[in-house]
Amino acid sequence: MSLFKKDPLQIITFDAYGTNTHFYLRGRALEDESINLDRRNIFSLLKNMWKRLETDEVKNTEIEVRLPNGVILKSKTDKHGYFKVNEKVEDLYKLINDEGWVNFEVAYADTSIKRVIQLKNRFPGKILIPSNKANFGVITDIDDTILQTGVVSILKWRVLVNTVFKSAKKRLPLKGAPNLYNLLHRGISGENTNPIFYVSHSPWNLYRYLELFLRQNDFPKGPVLLRTFQTFFIRKTDGHQPQKQIEILNLLKTYPKLPFILIGDSGEHDADIYKEIAELYPDRILAIYLRSVNSRKRMLRVKGVYDNYKTTPVLFVEDSDQAIEHAKKMKFI
C-alpha cells in the first residue's frame, strides 16, 4: 500500500463446483497489490511473492454473487477476507455454457464504500457443473504430482524457493502430465468431458500462480481447491482431518453417482488419505495413481501402506506413460 494513497479493492474468486441445485463458491476480498505474473526478473519475482504473502484483506464485508438469471446470493468475508457461498439454487443447468461452467459476477454489496473498486465492482467468477456425459471424475494433487514443488521438504523451503525464483510461465509440468489429464478428461469416447478437480496443500495465496501454470501448460480447466496460509506450515492437526481430505469427501458427497480416480504422489500424505477414502467408498474409487518421488525411505513407507491391499487398483508410476497404459487397460481412456 502507498504511504499516501490506498490501493484499490478487488475480489478474487476461486473456480469452484456445483450441481443443478447446489452452488458452491469460495473467494477473497483484498486490496489490489498489482501483482504482475508476467514479470520474470529476480526483483519482480521477490516483490510478487511478498505481495502474495503480505495481503491486505477486506474483513467483515458483505459480498453479493449475481447469477445470469437475476438470482443474488449473499455472503460475508471473515477476518482474513475469505468468503464462501454454499447455497441451494434451482436449475443451474440452464445457465451452463458449452464447457459446463456457470459464469457470474461477484461484487461488494456496499456501493457507498469510499474506495476505488476495480472492474467497476463487477468481478468474474465461475463454477463447474459436470456434464451428464461424464463417466468419472478425477481428483488430483498438484504439488509433485503435475508440478515439481518440493512440498515434502522440511519447513517447505523448496516450495518457497521454486515459487519465489521461478515465474508461473517458466515452471514446467512433469513430463507427459498434460497429455494424461486431457486423455482422462475426454474419456473413452473422446467426448466425455470428465471433470478434473485440482486439490493441493498449497495456500490460497498461490491460487492465481497455480491457475496460470495450469492454463499455460494446457491442463483441462477445473476447480482448484487449496487451503489457508494460516495452516500451511502445520504438518499435523490435533485429530482433525487434513484439508485435502475434507475437500475430497465434499466432492464425493456432492456427486454421489460419480466414481473417481485419485492421483497423487508418494511424498506426503496422499497415500494415507486416498487409502482411507477408498475404504470409505470402495465402489466409488476406480483407481489410485501415485507418482514416485526421489526418496527411497518415503517410497518404502508408502508401499507398506498398500501391502495386501485389494480394495482399489493402486499403481505406483514413474511417469505419465505408465498411468496412460493402465488407464487404457481399464478402459478409462
Protein backbone atom coordinates (compact mmCIF):
# COMPACT_ATOMS: atom_id res chain seq x y z
CA MET A 1 0.00 0.00 0.00
CA SER A 2 1.23 3.52 -0.79
CA LEU A 3 2.05 5.83 2.09
CA PHE A 4 -0.27 8.48 0.64
CA LYS A 5 -2.87 6.57 -1.33
CA LYS A 6 -4.84 3.45 -0.52
CA ASP A 7 -4.76 0.60 -3.02
CA PRO A 8 -8.00 -0.12 -4.89
CA LEU A 9 -10.17 -3.04 -3.84
CA GLN A 10 -10.63 -6.29 -5.71
CA ILE A 11 -12.36 -9.65 -5.30
CA ILE A 12 -10.62 -12.87 -6.31
CA THR A 13 -12.97 -15.78 -6.99
CA PHE A 14 -11.62 -19.32 -6.85
CA ASP A 15 -13.07 -21.57 -9.57
CA ALA A 16 -15.39 -23.96 -7.75
CA TYR A 17 -18.12 -26.50 -8.48
CA GLY A 18 -21.79 -27.32 -8.08
CA THR A 19 -24.76 -29.30 -9.33
CA ASN A 20 -28.10 -28.41 -10.86
CA THR A 21 -29.31 -27.43 -7.38
CA HIS A 22 -26.10 -26.73 -5.45
CA PHE A 23 -23.96 -23.60 -5.78
CA TYR A 24 -20.55 -23.67 -4.05
CA LEU A 25 -18.03 -20.84 -4.30
CA ARG A 26 -15.03 -19.51 -2.42
CA GLY A 27 -13.24 -16.23 -2.85
CA ARG A 28 -11.34 -13.47 -1.13
CA ALA A 29 -11.73 -9.71 -0.87
CA LEU A 30 -8.38 -7.91 -0.96
CA GLU A 31 -6.65 -4.69 -1.76
CA ASP A 32 -5.19 -4.89 -5.25
CA GLU A 33 -1.41 -5.05 -4.90
CA SER A 34 -0.93 -5.11 -8.70
CA ILE A 35 0.86 -8.46 -8.93
CA ASN A 36 2.23 -8.93 -12.44
CA LEU A 37 2.72 -12.63 -13.13
CA ASP A 38 4.39 -11.91 -16.48
CA ARG A 39 7.47 -10.30 -14.96
CA ARG A 40 10.42 -12.67 -14.64
CA ASN A 41 13.40 -10.75 -13.24
CA ILE A 42 14.53 -11.62 -9.71
CA PHE A 43 13.45 -8.32 -8.16
CA SER A 44 9.93 -8.59 -9.62
CA LEU A 45 9.60 -12.23 -8.53
CA LEU A 46 10.60 -11.34 -4.97
CA LYS A 47 8.22 -8.40 -4.98
CA ASN A 48 5.37 -10.56 -6.29
CA MET A 49 5.99 -13.19 -3.61
CA TRP A 50 5.92 -10.56 -0.87
CA LYS A 51 2.66 -9.20 -2.19
CA ARG A 52 1.10 -12.68 -2.31
CA LEU A 53 2.03 -13.41 1.29
CA GLU A 54 1.55 -9.95 2.79
CA THR A 55 -2.05 -9.46 1.69
CA ASP A 56 -4.30 -6.62 2.85
CA GLU A 57 -7.63 -8.36 3.25
CA VAL A 58 -11.03 -6.68 3.41
CA LYS A 59 -12.62 -8.01 6.60
CA ASN A 60 -16.26 -8.45 7.62
CA THR A 61 -17.64 -7.09 4.37
CA GLU A 62 -20.87 -8.09 2.62
CA ILE A 63 -20.42 -9.77 -0.77
CA GLU A 64 -23.01 -10.42 -3.49
CA VAL A 65 -22.96 -13.10 -6.19
CA ARG A 66 -25.12 -12.17 -9.18
CA LEU A 67 -26.19 -15.08 -11.40
CA PRO A 68 -27.18 -14.60 -15.07
CA ASN A 69 -30.84 -15.35 -14.25
CA GLY A 70 -31.01 -12.47 -11.78
CA VAL A 71 -30.64 -14.54 -8.60
CA ILE A 72 -28.45 -12.82 -5.98
CA LEU A 73 -26.60 -14.85 -3.35
CA LYS A 74 -25.05 -13.19 -0.32
CA SER A 75 -22.01 -13.86 1.82
CA LYS A 76 -19.64 -12.04 4.19
CA THR A 77 -15.88 -12.05 4.44
CA ASP A 78 -14.15 -13.34 7.56
CA LYS A 79 -11.20 -11.77 9.39
CA HIS A 80 -8.83 -12.96 6.65
CA GLY A 81 -11.00 -11.65 3.81
CA TYR A 82 -12.26 -15.08 2.72
CA PHE A 83 -15.89 -15.73 1.88
CA LYS A 84 -17.87 -18.83 0.98
CA VAL A 85 -21.22 -19.35 -0.70
CA ASN A 86 -22.85 -22.74 -0.19
CA GLU A 87 -26.48 -22.49 -1.27
CA LYS A 88 -29.32 -24.44 -2.85
CA VAL A 89 -30.21 -22.88 -6.20
CA GLU A 90 -32.64 -24.39 -8.70
CA ASP A 91 -32.00 -25.05 -12.40
CA LEU A 92 -28.32 -24.17 -12.61
CA TYR A 93 -28.07 -26.47 -15.66
CA LYS A 94 -29.94 -23.80 -17.61
CA LEU A 95 -27.04 -21.40 -17.01
CA ILE A 96 -24.09 -23.54 -18.09
CA ASN A 97 -22.04 -22.85 -21.21
CA ASP A 98 -20.80 -25.43 -23.71
CA GLU A 99 -17.93 -26.43 -21.38
CA GLY A 100 -20.16 -26.97 -18.33
CA TRP A 101 -19.33 -23.73 -16.49
CA VAL A 102 -21.74 -21.23 -14.97
CA ASN A 103 -20.37 -17.69 -15.31
CA PHE A 104 -21.47 -14.94 -12.91
CA GLU A 105 -20.37 -11.71 -11.27
CA VAL A 106 -19.27 -11.02 -7.70
CA ALA A 107 -19.41 -7.58 -6.11
CA TYR A 108 -19.06 -5.63 -2.89
CA ALA A 109 -22.64 -5.21 -1.64
CA ASP A 110 -21.96 -1.77 -0.14
CA THR A 111 -21.64 0.52 -3.14
CA SER A 112 -21.02 3.51 -0.87
CA ILE A 113 -17.52 2.27 0.08
CA LYS A 114 -15.21 5.26 -0.19
CA ARG A 115 -12.53 3.37 -2.05
CA VAL A 116 -11.75 2.75 -5.68
CA ILE A 117 -13.11 -0.69 -6.65
CA GLN A 118 -11.53 -2.38 -9.64
CA LEU A 119 -13.55 -3.55 -12.67
CA LYS A 120 -16.40 -1.22 -11.72
CA ASN A 121 -17.24 -3.67 -8.91
CA ARG A 122 -18.07 -6.48 -11.37
CA PHE A 123 -15.64 -9.34 -10.75
CA PRO A 124 -15.99 -12.51 -12.85
CA GLY A 125 -16.40 -15.94 -11.33
CA LYS A 126 -17.38 -19.40 -12.46
CA ILE A 127 -18.30 -22.83 -11.13
CA LEU A 128 -18.18 -26.18 -12.90
CA ILE A 129 -21.25 -28.39 -13.16
CA PRO A 130 -20.12 -31.79 -14.50
CA SER A 131 -21.75 -32.97 -17.70
CA ASN A 132 -24.17 -35.87 -17.77
CA LYS A 133 -21.75 -37.39 -20.30
CA ALA A 134 -19.06 -37.79 -17.61
CA ASN A 135 -18.19 -41.39 -16.74
CA PHE A 136 -15.98 -40.43 -13.80
CA GLY A 137 -14.20 -37.52 -12.16
CA VAL A 138 -10.51 -37.06 -11.46
CA ILE A 139 -9.26 -35.68 -8.15
CA THR A 140 -5.59 -34.81 -8.39
CA ASP A 141 -2.87 -33.30 -6.30
CA ILE A 142 -0.75 -30.54 -7.85
CA ASP A 143 2.43 -30.46 -5.76
CA ASP A 144 4.98 -33.02 -7.00
CA THR A 145 2.22 -34.74 -8.98
CA ILE A 146 1.97 -32.46 -12.00
CA LEU A 147 4.31 -29.68 -10.85
CA GLN A 148 7.68 -30.13 -9.16
CA THR A 149 7.34 -28.07 -5.98
CA GLY A 150 9.26 -29.66 -3.11
CA VAL A 151 6.18 -29.60 -0.88
CA VAL A 152 7.59 -32.60 1.01
CA SER A 153 10.76 -30.77 2.00
CA ILE A 154 11.45 -29.82 5.60
CA LEU A 155 9.82 -26.47 6.50
CA LYS A 156 8.53 -26.32 2.89
CA TRP A 157 11.65 -24.37 1.83
CA ARG A 158 11.68 -25.81 -1.69
CA VAL A 159 8.12 -24.66 -2.26
CA LEU A 160 9.14 -21.13 -1.39
CA VAL A 161 12.33 -21.24 -3.46
CA ASN A 162 10.55 -22.62 -6.53
CA THR A 163 7.70 -20.14 -6.21
CA VAL A 164 9.83 -17.08 -5.44
CA PHE A 165 12.55 -17.55 -8.02
CA LYS A 166 10.52 -19.06 -10.88
CA SER A 167 7.60 -17.39 -12.60
CA ALA A 168 4.50 -19.49 -13.31
CA LYS A 169 5.23 -19.24 -17.03
CA LYS A 170 8.71 -20.72 -16.59
CA ARG A 171 7.61 -23.65 -14.45
CA LEU A 172 7.37 -26.90 -16.37
CA PRO A 173 4.90 -29.70 -15.69
CA LEU A 174 6.16 -33.20 -15.03
CA LYS A 175 6.71 -34.93 -18.35
CA GLY A 176 3.55 -36.15 -20.05
CA ALA A 177 1.19 -34.83 -17.37
CA PRO A 178 -0.91 -32.51 -19.60
CA ASN A 179 -1.48 -35.35 -22.07
CA LEU A 180 -2.55 -37.75 -19.30
CA TYR A 181 -5.06 -35.30 -17.85
CA ASN A 182 -6.52 -34.34 -21.22
CA LEU A 183 -6.97 -38.02 -22.09
CA LEU A 184 -8.74 -38.63 -18.78
CA HIS A 185 -10.85 -35.52 -19.32
CA ARG A 186 -12.01 -36.70 -22.75
CA GLY A 187 -12.50 -40.30 -21.56
CA ILE A 188 -13.14 -43.46 -23.53
CA SER A 189 -15.32 -41.76 -26.15
CA GLY A 190 -13.07 -38.76 -26.58
CA GLU A 191 -16.05 -36.53 -25.73
CA ASN A 192 -16.91 -37.48 -22.14
CA THR A 193 -15.76 -34.19 -20.53
CA ASN A 194 -14.91 -35.96 -17.27
CA PRO A 195 -14.36 -33.24 -14.62
CA ILE A 196 -10.88 -32.62 -13.19
CA PHE A 197 -10.56 -31.29 -9.64
CA TYR A 198 -7.15 -29.95 -8.56
CA VAL A 199 -6.72 -30.32 -4.79
CA SER A 200 -3.49 -29.09 -3.21
CA HIS A 201 -1.84 -28.46 0.16
CA SER A 202 -0.63 -25.10 -1.20
CA PRO A 203 -2.19 -21.94 0.30
CA TRP A 204 -4.87 -19.85 -1.40
CA ASN A 205 -2.25 -17.08 -1.74
CA LEU A 206 -0.82 -19.09 -4.65
CA TYR A 207 -4.15 -19.57 -6.42
CA ARG A 208 -3.54 -17.23 -9.36
CA TYR A 209 0.02 -18.51 -9.73
CA LEU A 210 -1.16 -22.13 -9.97
CA GLU A 211 -4.13 -21.23 -12.16
CA LEU A 212 -1.75 -19.54 -14.63
CA PHE A 213 0.56 -22.57 -14.58
CA LEU A 214 -2.31 -24.93 -15.40
CA ARG A 215 -3.62 -22.69 -18.17
CA GLN A 216 -0.17 -22.04 -19.62
CA ASN A 217 0.51 -25.78 -19.90
CA ASP A 218 -2.87 -26.73 -21.40
CA PHE A 219 -4.23 -28.76 -18.50
CA PRO A 220 -8.03 -29.22 -18.59
CA LYS A 221 -9.91 -26.45 -16.84
CA GLY A 222 -11.17 -27.45 -13.42
CA PRO A 223 -11.74 -26.15 -9.90
CA VAL A 224 -8.55 -25.51 -7.90
CA LEU A 225 -9.04 -26.24 -4.18
CA LEU A 226 -6.32 -25.05 -1.78
CA ARG A 227 -6.04 -24.20 1.93
CA THR A 228 -5.48 -21.11 4.04
CA PHE A 229 -1.96 -19.82 4.56
CA GLN A 230 -2.53 -19.96 8.33
CA THR A 231 -2.41 -23.79 8.18
CA PHE A 232 0.32 -24.10 5.53
CA PHE A 233 3.20 -24.81 7.93
CA ILE A 234 1.18 -27.13 10.17
CA ARG A 235 2.19 -30.68 9.34
CA LYS A 236 -0.41 -32.41 11.51
CA THR A 237 -3.56 -31.17 13.16
CA ASP A 238 -4.78 -32.38 16.51
CA GLY A 239 -7.09 -35.17 15.45
CA HIS A 240 -8.56 -33.13 12.60
CA GLN A 241 -8.81 -34.33 9.02
CA PRO A 242 -6.35 -32.71 6.58
CA GLN A 243 -7.97 -30.02 4.42
CA LYS A 244 -7.29 -32.09 1.30
CA GLN A 245 -9.27 -35.00 2.75
CA ILE A 246 -12.16 -32.70 3.64
CA GLU A 247 -12.26 -31.33 0.09
CA ILE A 248 -12.26 -34.82 -1.43
CA LEU A 249 -15.04 -36.02 0.86
CA ASN A 250 -17.08 -32.93 -0.07
CA LEU A 251 -16.71 -33.82 -3.75
CA LEU A 252 -17.81 -37.42 -3.15
CA LYS A 253 -20.87 -36.19 -1.26
CA THR A 254 -21.69 -33.55 -3.87
CA TYR A 255 -21.62 -36.10 -6.73
CA PRO A 256 -22.96 -39.32 -5.15
CA LYS A 257 -23.34 -41.12 -8.50
CA LEU A 258 -19.96 -40.17 -9.94
CA PRO A 259 -16.97 -42.51 -9.42
CA PHE A 260 -13.48 -41.01 -9.15
CA ILE A 261 -9.85 -41.64 -9.99
CA LEU A 262 -7.41 -40.31 -7.37
CA ILE A 263 -3.97 -39.07 -8.49
CA GLY A 264 -1.20 -38.00 -6.11
CA ASP A 265 2.39 -38.62 -5.16
CA SER A 266 4.20 -40.83 -2.70
CA GLY A 267 5.97 -37.98 -0.96
CA GLU A 268 3.48 -36.53 1.51
CA HIS A 269 0.15 -37.84 2.81
CA ASP A 270 -1.71 -38.66 -0.40
CA ALA A 271 -1.26 -42.40 0.02
CA ASP A 272 -2.79 -42.45 3.51
CA ILE A 273 -5.63 -40.08 2.60
CA TYR A 274 -6.51 -41.92 -0.61
CA LYS A 275 -6.49 -45.34 1.06
CA GLU A 276 -8.81 -44.13 3.82
CA ILE A 277 -11.20 -42.61 1.29
CA ALA A 278 -11.17 -45.74 -0.88
CA GLU A 279 -12.06 -47.84 2.16
CA LEU A 280 -14.95 -45.47 2.96
CA TYR A 281 -16.17 -45.51 -0.65
CA PRO A 282 -14.97 -48.84 -2.15
CA ASP A 283 -17.47 -48.68 -5.02
CA ARG A 284 -16.67 -45.08 -5.92
CA ILE A 285 -12.87 -45.08 -6.31
CA LEU A 286 -11.91 -46.63 -9.65
CA ALA A 287 -8.14 -46.39 -9.26
CA ILE A 288 -5.35 -44.68 -7.34
CA TYR A 289 -2.25 -43.44 -9.17
CA LEU A 290 0.73 -42.40 -7.03
CA ARG A 291 3.71 -40.78 -8.71
CA SER A 292 7.04 -41.90 -7.26
CA VAL A 293 9.25 -39.27 -5.64
CA ASN A 294 13.02 -39.27 -5.20
CA SER A 295 13.05 -40.65 -1.69
CA ARG A 296 13.64 -44.34 -1.08
CA LYS A 297 12.51 -44.04 2.54
CA ARG A 298 9.19 -42.48 1.58
CA MET A 299 8.62 -44.97 -1.22
CA LEU A 300 9.13 -47.89 1.16
CA ARG A 301 6.74 -46.37 3.68
CA VAL A 302 4.03 -45.70 1.09
CA LYS A 303 4.29 -49.14 -0.49
CA GLY A 304 3.95 -50.56 3.01
CA VAL A 305 0.65 -48.69 3.39
CA TYR A 306 -0.74 -50.73 0.49
CA ASP A 307 0.67 -54.14 1.42
CA ASN A 308 -2.03 -56.77 0.77
CA TYR A 309 -4.47 -54.01 -0.24
CA LYS A 310 -7.15 -55.30 -2.62
CA THR A 311 -10.00 -52.80 -2.41
CA THR A 312 -8.97 -50.50 -5.28
CA PRO A 313 -6.40 -50.82 -8.09
CA VAL A 314 -3.26 -48.91 -6.99
CA LEU A 315 -0.45 -48.06 -9.37
CA PHE A 316 2.92 -46.54 -8.43
CA VAL A 317 4.09 -44.71 -11.54
CA GLU A 318 7.46 -43.34 -12.55
CA ASP A 319 5.99 -41.33 -15.42
CA SER A 320 2.72 -40.42 -17.09
CA ASP A 321 3.08 -43.08 -19.79
CA GLN A 322 2.63 -45.83 -17.19
CA ALA A 323 -0.59 -44.22 -15.97
CA ILE A 324 -1.83 -43.85 -19.57
CA GLU A 325 -1.14 -47.52 -20.29
CA HIS A 326 -3.04 -48.60 -17.18
CA ALA A 327 -5.92 -46.22 -17.94
CA LYS A 328 -6.26 -47.76 -21.40
CA LYS A 329 -6.36 -51.28 -19.94
CA MET A 330 -9.07 -50.17 -17.51
CA LYS A 331 -10.97 -48.51 -20.41
CA PHE A 332 -10.86 -45.09 -18.73
CA ILE A 333 -9.46 -43.66 -21.96
